[in-house]
Amino acid sequence: MPPRAFQIHPADNVATLLDDAPAGPVTLTGSVAGLREIPAREAIARGHKIALVDLASGAAVVKFGAPIGRATQPVARGAWVHLHNLASDLDERSSSLDRQTGAPSDTNSAYV
């Protein structure tokens, strides 16, 4: 059974992975009209986002039916959407967080 991703709202242009996904087919569930597949371009961890459409640099990233941020570079359909290509509308520090761990990289931990 291929890994699954859940589209929360019909207007969303990203879906959230319900399983760890290697590069290859991912089954879409949720608000999508019927089940369909999208090819993951790379490995994407459970809980992370996959682009459902090509996103231009500066395009709104929509989740929960509302913009959550904007693409900081072109993002291809099936690509991982995360800190390396998304600037959050909800957290202005998001672009300074570590891509893998989410840890802040804009502070000196020796002083924290």
PDB file of N, CA and C in Angstrom:
ATOM      1  N   MET A   1       0.851  -1.185   0.000  1.00  0.00           N
ATOM      2  CA  MET A   1       0.000   0.000   0.000  1.00  0.00           C
ATOM      3  C   MET A   1       0.895   1.246   0.000  1.00  0.00           C
ATOM      4  N   PRO A   2       0.665   2.172  -0.943  1.00  0.00           N
ATOM      5  CA  PRO A   2       1.506   3.375  -0.983  1.00  0.00           C
ATOM      6  C   PRO A   2       1.254   4.267   0.236  1.00  0.00           C
ATOM      7  N   PRO A   3       2.213   5.114   0.574  1.00  0.00           N
ATOM      8  CA  PRO A   3       1.991   6.072   1.659  1.00  0.00           C
ATOM      9  C   PRO A   3       0.837   7.005   1.308  1.00  0.00           C
ATOM     10  N   ARG A   4       0.259   7.618   2.347  1.00  0.00           N
ATOM     11  CA  ARG A   4      -0.924   8.463   2.169  1.00  0.00           C
ATOM     12  C   ARG A   4      -0.625   9.903   2.581  1.00  0.00           C
ATOM     13  N   ALA A   5      -1.349  10.823   1.946  1.00  0.00           N
ATOM     14  CA  ALA A   5      -1.314  12.242   2.318  1.00  0.00           C
ATOM     15  C   ALA A   5      -2.755  12.728   2.385  1.00  0.00           C
ATOM     16  N   PHE A   6      -3.024  13.658   3.299  1.00  0.00           N
ATOM     17  CA  PHE A   6      -4.379  14.137   3.549  1.00  0.00           C
ATOM     18  C   PHE A   6      -4.496  15.601   3.159  1.00  0.00           C
ATOM     19  N   GLN A   7      -5.424  15.893   2.250  1.00  0.00           N
ATOM     20  CA  GLN A   7      -5.742  17.271   1.888  1.00  0.00           C
ATOM     21  C   GLN A   7      -6.874  17.708   2.817  1.00  0.00           C
ATOM     22  N   ILE A   8      -6.627  18.706   3.658  1.00  0.00           N
ATOM     23  CA  ILE A   8      -7.574  19.105   4.696  1.00  0.00           C
ATOM     24  C   ILE A   8      -8.779  19.835   4.125  1.00  0.00           C
ATOM     25  N   HIS A   9      -8.562  20.740   3.175  1.00  0.00           N
ATOM     26  CA  HIS A   9      -9.626  21.582   2.617  1.00  0.00           C
ATOM     27  C   HIS A   9      -9.513  21.546   1.100  1.00  0.00           C
ATOM     28  N   PRO A  10     -10.633  21.602   0.373  1.00  0.00           N
ATOM     29  CA  PRO A  10     -10.562  21.544  -1.096  1.00  0.00           C
ATOM     30  C   PRO A  10      -9.704  22.642  -1.722  1.00  0.00           C
ATOM     31  N   ALA A  11      -9.532  23.781  -1.061  1.00  0.00           N
ATOM     32  CA  ALA A  11      -8.725  24.875  -1.610  1.00  0.00           C
ATOM     33  C   ALA A  11      -7.231  24.700  -1.346  1.00  0.00           C
ATOM     34  N   ASP A  12      -6.844  23.715  -0.542  1.00  0.00           N
ATOM     35  CA  ASP A  12      -5.432  23.532  -0.192  1.00  0.00           C
ATOM     36  C   ASP A  12      -4.606  23.161  -1.417  1.00  0.00           C
ATOM     37  N   ASN A  13      -3.398  23.749  -1.500  1.00  0.00           N
ATOM     38  CA  ASN A  13      -2.480  23.354  -2.561  1.00  0.00           C
ATOM     39  C   ASN A  13      -1.320  22.522  -2.019  1.00  0.00           C
ATOM     40  N   VAL A  14      -1.432  22.097  -0.756  1.00  0.00           N
ATOM     41  CA  VAL A  14      -0.516  21.141  -0.143  1.00  0.00           C
ATOM     42  C   VAL A  14      -1.353  20.101   0.598  1.00  0.00           C
ATOM     43  N   ALA A  15      -0.764  18.935   0.799  1.00  0.00           N
ATOM     44  CA  ALA A  15      -1.378  17.892   1.615  1.00  0.00           C
ATOM     45  C   ALA A  15      -0.349  17.471   2.659  1.00  0.00           C
ATOM     46  N   THR A  16      -0.822  16.912   3.765  1.00  0.00           N
ATOM     47  CA  THR A  16       0.042  16.489   4.865  1.00  0.00           C
ATOM     48  C   THR A  16       0.239  14.977   4.807  1.00  0.00           C
ATOM     49  N   LEU A  17       1.496  14.535   4.869  1.00  0.00           N
ATOM     50  CA  LEU A  17       1.800  13.113   4.820  1.00  0.00           C
ATOM     51  C   LEU A  17       1.327  12.421   6.085  1.00  0.00           C
ATOM     52  N   LEU A  18       0.596  11.322   5.939  1.00  0.00           N
ATOM     53  CA  LEU A  18       0.141  10.507   7.063  1.00  0.00           C
ATOM     54  C   LEU A  18       1.118   9.367   7.342  1.00  0.00           C
ATOM     55  N   ASP A  19       2.012   9.136   6.399  1.00  0.00           N
ATOM     56  CA  ASP A  19       3.033   8.094   6.507  1.00  0.00           C
ATOM     57  C   ASP A  19       4.338   8.663   5.978  1.00  0.00           C
ATOM     58  N   ASP A  20       5.470   8.081   6.396  1.00  0.00           N
ATOM     59  CA  ASP A  20       6.735   8.427   5.739  1.00  0.00           C
ATOM     60  C   ASP A  20       6.623   7.975   4.284  1.00  0.00           C
ATOM     61  N   ALA A  21       7.088   8.811   3.372  1.00  0.00           N
ATOM     62  CA  ALA A  21       6.963   8.496   1.951  1.00  0.00           C
ATOM     63  C   ALA A  21       8.328   8.549   1.271  1.00  0.00           C
ATOM     64  N   PRO A  22       8.736   7.470   0.626  1.00  0.00           N
ATOM     65  CA  PRO A  22       9.911   7.565  -0.242  1.00  0.00           C
ATOM     66  C   PRO A  22       9.487   8.267  -1.529  1.00  0.00           C
ATOM     67  N   ALA A  23      10.440   8.590  -2.373  1.00  0.00           N
ATOM     68  CA  ALA A  23      10.080   9.110  -3.691  1.00  0.00           C
ATOM     69  C   ALA A  23       9.227   8.062  -4.387  1.00  0.00           C
ATOM     70  N   GLY A  24       8.142   8.517  -5.008  1.00  0.00           N
ATOM     71  CA  GLY A  24       7.246   7.581  -5.681  1.00  0.00           C
ATOM     72  C   GLY A  24       5.803   7.917  -5.385  1.00  0.00           C
ATOM     73  N   PRO A  25       4.866   7.015  -5.681  1.00  0.00           N
ATOM     74  CA  PRO A  25       3.448   7.316  -5.561  1.00  0.00           C
ATOM     75  C   PRO A  25       2.986   7.511  -4.117  1.00  0.00           C
ATOM     76  N   VAL A  26       2.128   8.530  -3.933  1.00  0.00           N
ATOM     77  CA  VAL A  26       1.488   8.823  -2.653  1.00  0.00           C
ATOM     78  C   VAL A  26      -0.011   8.903  -2.939  1.00  0.00           C
ATOM     79  N   THR A  27      -0.814   8.199  -2.145  1.00  0.00           N
ATOM     80  CA  THR A  27      -2.268   8.235  -2.292  1.00  0.00           C
ATOM     81  C   THR A  27      -2.823   9.433  -1.549  1.00  0.00           C
ATOM     82  N   LEU A  28      -3.625  10.253  -2.237  1.00  0.00           N
ATOM     83  CA  LEU A  28      -4.253  11.423  -1.617  1.00  0.00           C
ATOM     84  C   LEU A  28      -5.633  11.053  -1.086  1.00  0.00           C
ATOM     85  N   THR A  29      -5.927  11.521   0.129  1.00  0.00           N
ATOM     86  CA  THR A  29      -7.230  11.305   0.746  1.00  0.00           C
ATOM     87  C   THR A  29      -7.728  12.643   1.284  1.00  0.00           C
ATOM     88  N   GLY A  30      -8.940  12.647   1.797  1.00  0.00           N
ATOM     89  CA  GLY A  30      -9.476  13.861   2.403  1.00  0.00           C
ATOM     90  C   GLY A  30     -10.409  14.580   1.467  1.00  0.00           C
ATOM     91  N   SER A  31     -10.206  15.874   1.326  1.00  0.00           N
ATOM     92  CA  SER A  31     -11.108  16.726   0.557  1.00  0.00           C
ATOM     93  C   SER A  31     -10.979  16.553  -0.954  1.00  0.00           C
ATOM     94  N   VAL A  32      -9.995  15.805  -1.395  1.00  0.00           N
ATOM     95  CA  VAL A  32      -9.828  15.561  -2.819  1.00  0.00           C
ATOM     96  C   VAL A  32     -11.054  14.802  -3.317  1.00  0.00           C
ATOM     97  N   ALA A  33     -11.568  15.172  -4.477  1.00  0.00           N
ATOM     98  CA  ALA A  33     -12.718  14.463  -5.049  1.00  0.00           C
ATOM     99  C   ALA A  33     -12.267  13.062  -5.435  1.00  0.00           C
ATOM    100  N   GLY A  34     -12.562  12.077  -4.620  1.00  0.00           N
ATOM    101  CA  GLY A  34     -12.104  10.705  -4.864  1.00  0.00           C
ATOM    102  C   GLY A  34     -10.626  10.568  -4.529  1.00  0.00           C
ATOM    103  N   LEU A  35     -10.156   9.362  -4.470  1.00  0.00           N
ATOM    104  CA  LEU A  35      -8.735   9.136  -4.213  1.00  0.00           C
ATOM    105  C   LEU A  35      -7.955   9.304  -5.499  1.00  0.00           C
ATOM    106  N   ARG A  36      -6.776   9.855  -5.374  1.00  0.00           N
ATOM    107  CA  ARG A  36      -5.879   9.940  -6.519  1.00  0.00           C
ATOM    108  C   ARG A  36      -4.457   9.866  -5.984  1.00  0.00           C
ATOM    109  N   GLU A  37      -3.536   9.745  -6.874  1.00  0.00           N
ATOM    110  CA  GLU A  37      -2.132   9.660  -6.480  1.00  0.00           C
ATOM    111  C   GLU A  37      -1.382  10.880  -6.959  1.00  0.00           C
ATOM    112  N   ILE A  38      -0.314  11.161  -6.243  1.00  0.00           N
ATOM    113  CA  ILE A  38       0.626  12.189  -6.662  1.00  0.00           C
ATOM    114  C   ILE A  38       2.017  11.579  -6.503  1.00  0.00           C
ATOM    115  N   PRO A  39       2.923  11.806  -7.442  1.00  0.00           N
ATOM    116  CA  PRO A  39       4.269  11.264  -7.286  1.00  0.00           C
ATOM    117  C   PRO A  39       5.123  12.170  -6.394  1.00  0.00           C
ATOM    118  N   ALA A  40       5.596  11.641  -5.281  1.00  0.00           N
ATOM    119  CA  ALA A  40       6.538  12.390  -4.441  1.00  0.00           C
ATOM    120  C   ALA A  40       7.875  12.442  -5.170  1.00  0.00           C
ATOM    121  N   ARG A  41       8.444  13.629  -5.289  1.00  0.00           N
ATOM    122  CA  ARG A  41       9.712  13.812  -5.996  1.00  0.00           C
ATOM    123  C   ARG A  41      10.911  13.422  -5.149  1.00  0.00           C
ATOM    124  N   GLU A  42      10.688  13.305  -3.837  1.00  0.00           N
ATOM    125  CA  GLU A  42      11.766  13.006  -2.900  1.00  0.00           C
ATOM    126  C   GLU A  42      11.134  12.359  -1.672  1.00  0.00           C
ATOM    127  N   ALA A  43      11.951  11.832  -0.787  1.00  0.00           N
ATOM    128  CA  ALA A  43      11.435  11.277   0.462  1.00  0.00           C
ATOM    129  C   ALA A  43      10.857  12.425   1.299  1.00  0.00           C
ATOM    130  N   ILE A  44       9.686  12.192   1.888  1.00  0.00           N
ATOM    131  CA  ILE A  44       9.017  13.200   2.712  1.00  0.00           C
ATOM    132  C   ILE A  44       8.547  12.503   3.988  1.00  0.00           C
ATOM    133  N   ALA A  45       8.881  13.077   5.134  1.00  0.00           N
ATOM    134  CA  ALA A  45       8.530  12.477   6.418  1.00  0.00           C
ATOM    135  C   ALA A  45       7.060  12.698   6.767  1.00  0.00           C
ATOM    136  N   ARG A  46       6.518  11.767   7.521  1.00  0.00           N
ATOM    137  CA  ARG A  46       5.152  11.877   8.033  1.00  0.00           C
ATOM    138  C   ARG A  46       4.987  13.215   8.753  1.00  0.00           C
ATOM    139  N   GLY A  47       3.860  13.868   8.518  1.00  0.00           N
ATOM    140  CA  GLY A  47       3.572  15.158   9.144  1.00  0.00           C
ATOM    141  C   GLY A  47       4.025  16.356   8.329  1.00  0.00           C
ATOM    142  N   HIS A  48       4.827  16.122   7.297  1.00  0.00           N
ATOM    143  CA  HIS A  48       5.296  17.214   6.447  1.00  0.00           C
ATOM    144  C   HIS A  48       4.363  17.371   5.249  1.00  0.00           C
ATOM    145  N   LYS A  49       4.554  18.447   4.504  1.00  0.00           N
ATOM    146  CA  LYS A  49       3.659  18.800   3.401  1.00  0.00           C
ATOM    147  C   LYS A  49       4.256  18.411   2.052  1.00  0.00           C
ATOM    148  N   ILE A  50       3.347  18.045   1.126  1.00  0.00           N
ATOM    149  CA  ILE A  50       3.699  17.775  -0.261  1.00  0.00           C
ATOM    150  C   ILE A  50       2.898  18.747  -1.131  1.00  0.00           C
ATOM    151  N   ALA A  51       3.556  19.323  -2.124  1.00  0.00           N
ATOM    152  CA  ALA A  51       2.877  20.262  -3.029  1.00  0.00           C
ATOM    153  C   ALA A  51       1.947  19.498  -3.963  1.00  0.00           C
ATOM    154  N   LEU A  52       0.697  19.938  -4.041  1.00  0.00           N
ATOM    155  CA  LEU A  52      -0.287  19.311  -4.927  1.00  0.00           C
ATOM    156  C   LEU A  52      -0.266  19.909  -6.318  1.00  0.00           C
ATOM    157  N   VAL A  53       0.316  21.096  -6.444  1.00  0.00           N
ATOM    158  CA  VAL A  53       0.422  21.807  -7.717  1.00  0.00           C
ATOM    159  C   VAL A  53       1.797  22.469  -7.771  1.00  0.00           C
ATOM    160  N   ASP A  54       2.211  22.890  -8.950  1.00  0.00           N
ATOM    161  CA  ASP A  54       3.418  23.704  -9.056  1.00  0.00           C
ATOM    162  C   ASP A  54       3.147  25.050  -8.399  1.00  0.00           C
ATOM    163  N   LEU A  55       4.081  25.515  -7.585  1.00  0.00           N
ATOM    164  CA  LEU A  55       3.960  26.814  -6.916  1.00  0.00           C
ATOM    165  C   LEU A  55       5.085  27.723  -7.400  1.00  0.00           C
ATOM    166  N   ALA A  56       4.723  28.901  -7.862  1.00  0.00           N
ATOM    167  CA  ALA A  56       5.725  29.886  -8.277  1.00  0.00           C
ATOM    168  C   ALA A  56       6.331  30.533  -7.030  1.00  0.00           C
ATOM    169  N   SER A  57       7.521  31.067  -7.166  1.00  0.00           N
ATOM    170  CA  SER A  57       8.121  31.821  -6.069  1.00  0.00           C
ATOM    171  C   SER A  57       7.193  32.974  -5.698  1.00  0.00           C
ATOM    172  N   GLY A  58       6.886  33.095  -4.417  1.00  0.00           N
ATOM    173  CA  GLY A  58       5.980  34.134  -3.934  1.00  0.00           C
ATOM    174  C   GLY A  58       4.524  33.702  -3.863  1.00  0.00           C
ATOM    175  N   ALA A  59       4.188  32.522  -4.406  1.00  0.00           N
ATOM    176  CA  ALA A  59       2.803  32.046  -4.388  1.00  0.00           C
ATOM    177  C   ALA A  59       2.387  31.676  -2.968  1.00  0.00           C
ATOM    178  N   ALA A  60       1.108  31.887  -2.676  1.00  0.00           N
ATOM    179  CA  ALA A  60       0.561  31.498  -1.376  1.00  0.00           C
ATOM    180  C   ALA A  60       0.556  29.986  -1.255  1.00  0.00           C
ATOM    181  N   VAL A  61       0.954  29.502  -0.085  1.00  0.00           N
ATOM    182  CA  VAL A  61       0.820  28.091   0.258  1.00  0.00           C
ATOM    183  C   VAL A  61      -0.435  28.003   1.122  1.00  0.00           C
ATOM    184  N   VAL A  62      -1.401  27.192   0.674  1.00  0.00           N
ATOM    185  CA  VAL A  62      -2.715  27.142   1.319  1.00  0.00           C
ATOM    186  C   VAL A  62      -2.901  25.799   2.009  1.00  0.00           C
ATOM    187  N   LYS A  63      -3.208  25.865   3.308  1.00  0.00           N
ATOM    188  CA  LYS A  63      -3.516  24.691   4.128  1.00  0.00           C
ATOM    189  C   LYS A  63      -4.653  25.103   5.055  1.00  0.00           C
ATOM    190  N   PHE A  64      -5.546  24.210   5.401  1.00  0.00           N
ATOM    191  CA  PHE A  64      -6.738  24.524   6.200  1.00  0.00           C
ATOM    192  C   PHE A  64      -7.653  25.493   5.454  1.00  0.00           C
ATOM    193  N   GLY A  65      -7.486  25.620   4.124  1.00  0.00           N
ATOM    194  CA  GLY A  65      -8.282  26.540   3.337  1.00  0.00           C
ATOM    195  C   GLY A  65      -7.836  27.984   3.452  1.00  0.00           C
ATOM    196  N   ALA A  66      -6.670  28.222   4.081  1.00  0.00           N
ATOM    197  CA  ALA A  66      -6.172  29.588   4.292  1.00  0.00           C
ATOM    198  C   ALA A  66      -4.674  29.631   4.000  1.00  0.00           C
ATOM    199  N   PRO A  67      -4.175  30.784   3.530  1.00  0.00           N
ATOM    200  CA  PRO A  67      -2.734  30.898   3.305  1.00  0.00           C
ATOM    201  C   PRO A  67      -1.976  30.767   4.624  1.00  0.00           C
ATOM    202  N   ILE A  68      -0.956  29.913   4.626  1.00  0.00           N
ATOM    203  CA  ILE A  68      -0.106  29.761   5.813  1.00  0.00           C
ATOM    204  C   ILE A  68       1.272  30.352   5.586  1.00  0.00           C
ATOM    205  N   GLY A  69       1.575  30.690   4.344  1.00  0.00           N
ATOM    206  CA  GLY A  69       2.884  31.241   4.010  1.00  0.00           C
ATOM    207  C   GLY A  69       2.997  31.423   2.518  1.00  0.00           C
ATOM    208  N   ARG A  70       4.250  31.596   2.072  1.00  0.00           N
ATOM    209  CA  ARG A  70       4.491  31.778   0.643  1.00  0.00           C
ATOM    210  C   ARG A  70       5.737  31.007   0.241  1.00  0.00           C
ATOM    211  N   ALA A  71       5.734  30.564  -0.984  1.00  0.00           N
ATOM    212  CA  ALA A  71       6.893  29.850  -1.514  1.00  0.00           C
ATOM    213  C   ALA A  71       8.037  30.839  -1.687  1.00  0.00           C
ATOM    214  N   THR A  72       9.218  30.479  -1.227  1.00  0.00           N
ATOM    215  CA  THR A  72      10.391  31.348  -1.346  1.00  0.00           C
ATOM    216  C   THR A  72      11.187  31.046  -2.611  1.00  0.00           C
ATOM    217  N   GLN A  73      10.758  30.027  -3.337  1.00  0.00           N
ATOM    218  CA  GLN A  73      11.374  29.626  -4.599  1.00  0.00           C
ATOM    219  C   GLN A  73      10.332  28.784  -5.327  1.00  0.00           C
ATOM    220  N   PRO A  74      10.523  28.514  -6.610  1.00  0.00           N
ATOM    221  CA  PRO A  74       9.563  27.644  -7.286  1.00  0.00           C
ATOM    222  C   PRO A  74       9.541  26.264  -6.621  1.00  0.00           C
ATOM    223  N   VAL A  75       8.350  25.714  -6.462  1.00  0.00           N
ATOM    224  CA  VAL A  75       8.169  24.396  -5.852  1.00  0.00           C
ATOM    225  C   VAL A  75       7.372  23.548  -6.839  1.00  0.00           C
ATOM    226  N   ALA A  76       7.938  22.428  -7.230  1.00  0.00           N
ATOM    227  CA  ALA A  76       7.281  21.555  -8.199  1.00  0.00           C
ATOM    228  C   ALA A  76       6.218  20.689  -7.525  1.00  0.00           C
ATOM    229  N   ARG A  77       5.179  20.360  -8.270  1.00  0.00           N
ATOM    230  CA  ARG A  77       4.158  19.420  -7.803  1.00  0.00           C
ATOM    231  C   ARG A  77       4.860  18.141  -7.336  1.00  0.00           C
ATOM    232  N   GLY A  78       4.500  17.663  -6.146  1.00  0.00           N
ATOM    233  CA  GLY A  78       5.102  16.449  -5.599  1.00  0.00           C
ATOM    234  C   GLY A  78       6.330  16.695  -4.740  1.00  0.00           C
ATOM    235  N   ALA A  79       6.766  17.949  -4.620  1.00  0.00           N
ATOM    236  CA  ALA A  79       7.954  18.266  -3.824  1.00  0.00           C
ATOM    237  C   ALA A  79       7.598  18.475  -2.350  1.00  0.00           C
ATOM    238  N   TRP A  80       8.580  18.302  -1.505  1.00  0.00           N
ATOM    239  CA  TRP A  80       8.473  18.541  -0.076  1.00  0.00           C
ATOM    240  C   TRP A  80       8.351  20.045   0.141  1.00  0.00           C
ATOM    241  N   VAL A  81       7.365  20.477   0.909  1.00  0.00           N
ATOM    242  CA  VAL A  81       7.170  21.888   1.244  1.00  0.00           C
ATOM    243  C   VAL A  81       7.501  22.039   2.722  1.00  0.00           C
ATOM    244  N   HIS A  82       8.553  22.809   3.005  1.00  0.00           N
ATOM    245  CA  HIS A  82       9.027  22.943   4.389  1.00  0.00           C
ATOM    246  C   HIS A  82       9.859  24.222   4.498  1.00  0.00           C
ATOM    247  N   LEU A  83      10.660  24.309   5.518  1.00  0.00           N
ATOM    248  CA  LEU A  83      11.412  25.529   5.842  1.00  0.00           C
ATOM    249  C   LEU A  83      12.365  25.985   4.741  1.00  0.00           C
ATOM    250  N   HIS A  84      12.812  25.087   3.901  1.00  0.00           N
ATOM    251  CA  HIS A  84      13.772  25.441   2.851  1.00  0.00           C
ATOM    252  C   HIS A  84      13.113  26.125   1.656  1.00  0.00           C
ATOM    253  N   ASN A  85      11.780  26.067   1.556  1.00  0.00           N
ATOM    254  CA  ASN A  85      11.117  26.683   0.408  1.00  0.00           C
ATOM    255  C   ASN A  85       9.791  27.359   0.768  1.00  0.00           C
ATOM    256  N   LEU A  86       9.566  27.592   2.064  1.00  0.00           N
ATOM    257  CA  LEU A  86       8.329  28.199   2.556  1.00  0.00           C
ATOM    258  C   LEU A  86       8.657  29.224   3.633  1.00  0.00           C
ATOM    259  N   ALA A  87       8.136  30.427   3.499  1.00  0.00           N
ATOM    260  CA  ALA A  87       8.215  31.443   4.555  1.00  0.00           C
ATOM    261  C   ALA A  87       6.835  31.517   5.184  1.00  0.00           C
ATOM    262  N   SER A  88       6.765  31.313   6.473  1.00  0.00           N
ATOM    263  CA  SER A  88       5.486  31.277   7.178  1.00  0.00           C
ATOM    264  C   SER A  88       4.877  32.663   7.298  1.00  0.00           C
ATOM    265  N   ASP A  89       3.554  32.730   7.159  1.00  0.00           N
ATOM    266  CA  ASP A  89       2.817  33.954   7.469  1.00  0.00           C
ATOM    267  C   ASP A  89       2.514  34.018   8.957  1.00  0.00           C
ATOM    268  N   LEU A  90       2.726  32.904   9.655  1.00  0.00           N
ATOM    269  CA  LEU A  90       2.347  32.790  11.054  1.00  0.00           C
ATOM    270  C   LEU A  90       3.533  32.973  12.002  1.00  0.00           C
ATOM    271  N   ASP A  91       4.755  32.783  11.495  1.00  0.00           N
ATOM    272  CA  ASP A  91       5.955  32.880  12.328  1.00  0.00           C
ATOM    273  C   ASP A  91       7.070  33.517  11.504  1.00  0.00           C
ATOM    274  N   GLU A  92       7.346  34.792  11.764  1.00  0.00           N
ATOM    275  CA  GLU A  92       8.342  35.504  10.950  1.00  0.00           C
ATOM    276  C   GLU A  92       9.738  34.925  11.088  1.00  0.00           C
ATOM    277  N   ARG A  93      10.003  34.112  12.118  1.00  0.00           N
ATOM    278  CA  ARG A  93      11.328  33.514  12.292  1.00  0.00           C
ATOM    279  C   ARG A  93      11.483  32.219  11.506  1.00  0.00           C
ATOM    280  N   SER A  94      10.438  31.752  10.827  1.00  0.00           N
ATOM    281  CA  SER A  94      10.471  30.431  10.202  1.00  0.00           C
ATOM    282  C   SER A  94      11.643  30.250   9.243  1.00  0.00           C
ATOM    283  N   SER A  95      12.035  31.289   8.552  1.00  0.00           N
ATOM    284  CA  SER A  95      13.126  31.137   7.579  1.00  0.00           C
ATOM    285  C   SER A  95      14.479  30.939   8.244  1.00  0.00           C
ATOM    286  N   SER A  96      14.569  31.162   9.552  1.00  0.00           N
ATOM    287  CA  SER A  96      15.847  30.973  10.243  1.00  0.00           C
ATOM    288  C   SER A  96      15.910  29.642  10.987  1.00  0.00           C
ATOM    289  N   LEU A  97      14.860  28.808  10.887  1.00  0.00           N
ATOM    290  CA  LEU A  97      14.846  27.530  11.591  1.00  0.00           C
ATOM    291  C   LEU A  97      15.584  26.469  10.786  1.00  0.00           C
ATOM    292  N   ASP A  98      16.231  25.532  11.514  1.00  0.00           N
ATOM    293  CA  ASP A  98      16.957  24.449  10.868  1.00  0.00           C
ATOM    294  C   ASP A  98      15.998  23.585  10.053  1.00  0.00           C
ATOM    295  N   ARG A  99      16.371  23.268   8.843  1.00  0.00           N
ATOM    296  CA  ARG A  99      15.512  22.529   7.905  1.00  0.00           C
ATOM    297  C   ARG A  99      15.104  21.161   8.450  1.00  0.00           C
ATOM    298  N   GLN A 100      15.994  20.465   9.125  1.00  0.00           N
ATOM    299  CA  GLN A 100      15.703  19.112   9.591  1.00  0.00           C
ATOM    300  C   GLN A 100      15.062  19.079  10.977  1.00  0.00           C
ATOM    301  N   THR A 101      15.570  19.897  11.903  1.00  0.00           N
ATOM    302  CA  THR A 101      15.113  19.799  13.291  1.00  0.00           C
ATOM    303  C   THR A 101      14.100  20.858  13.684  1.00  0.00           C
ATOM    304  N   GLY A 102      14.058  21.972  12.943  1.00  0.00           N
ATOM    305  CA  GLY A 102      13.181  23.084  13.311  1.00  0.00           C
ATOM    306  C   GLY A 102      13.764  23.961  14.404  1.00  0.00           C
ATOM    307  N   ALA A 103      14.991  23.668  14.828  1.00  0.00           N
ATOM    308  CA  ALA A 103      15.641  24.446  15.885  1.00  0.00           C
ATOM    309  C   ALA A 103      16.025  25.827  15.360  1.00  0.00           C
ATOM    310  N   PRO A 104      15.940  26.859  16.220  1.00  0.00           N
ATOM    311  CA  PRO A 104      16.341  28.196  15.782  1.00  0.00           C
ATOM    312  C   PRO A 104      17.828  28.227  15.453  1.00  0.00           C
ATOM    313  N   SER A 105      18.168  28.905  14.381  1.00  0.00           N
ATOM    314  CA  SER A 105      19.582  29.067  14.027  1.00  0.00           C
ATOM    315  C   SER A 105      19.980  30.536  14.062  1.00  0.00           C
ATOM    316  N   ASP A 106      19.047  31.398  14.501  1.00  0.00           N
ATOM    317  CA  ASP A 106      19.334  32.830  14.524  1.00  0.00           C
ATOM    318  C   ASP A 106      19.673  33.318  15.935  1.00  0.00           C
ATOM    319  N   THR A 107      19.916  32.387  16.854  1.00  0.00           N
ATOM    320  CA  THR A 107      20.305  32.745  18.211  1.00  0.00           C
ATOM    321  C   THR A 107      21.573  31.990  18.572  1.00  0.00           C
ATOM    322  N   ASN A 108      22.317  32.525  19.512  1.00  0.00           N
ATOM    323  CA  ASN A 108      23.514  31.870  19.995  1.00  0.00           C
ATOM    324  C   ASN A 108      23.137  31.100  21.249  1.00  0.00           C
ATOM    325  N   SER A 109      23.160  29.758  21.174  1.00  0.00           N
ATOM    326  CA  SER A 109      22.718  28.934  22.297  1.00  0.00           C
ATOM    327  C   SER A 109      23.590  29.118  23.536  1.00  0.00           C
ATOM    328  N   ALA A 110      24.778  29.677  23.383  1.00  0.00           N
ATOM    329  CA  ALA A 110      25.643  29.911  24.553  1.00  0.00           C
ATOM    330  C   ALA A 110      25.036  30.964  25.473  1.00  0.00           C
ATOM    331  N   TYR A 111      24.138  31.807  24.940  1.00  0.00           N
ATOM    332  CA  TYR A 111      23.552  32.869  25.737  1.00  0.00           C
ATOM    333  C   TYR A 111      22.122  32.583  26.144  1.00  0.00           C
ATOM    334  N   VAL A 112      21.604  31.423  25.768  1.00  0.00           N
ATOM    335  CA  VAL A 112      20.208  31.092  26.072  1.00  0.00           C
ATOM    336  C   VAL A 112      20.112  30.377  27.394  1.00  0.00           C
TER     337      VAL A 112
END
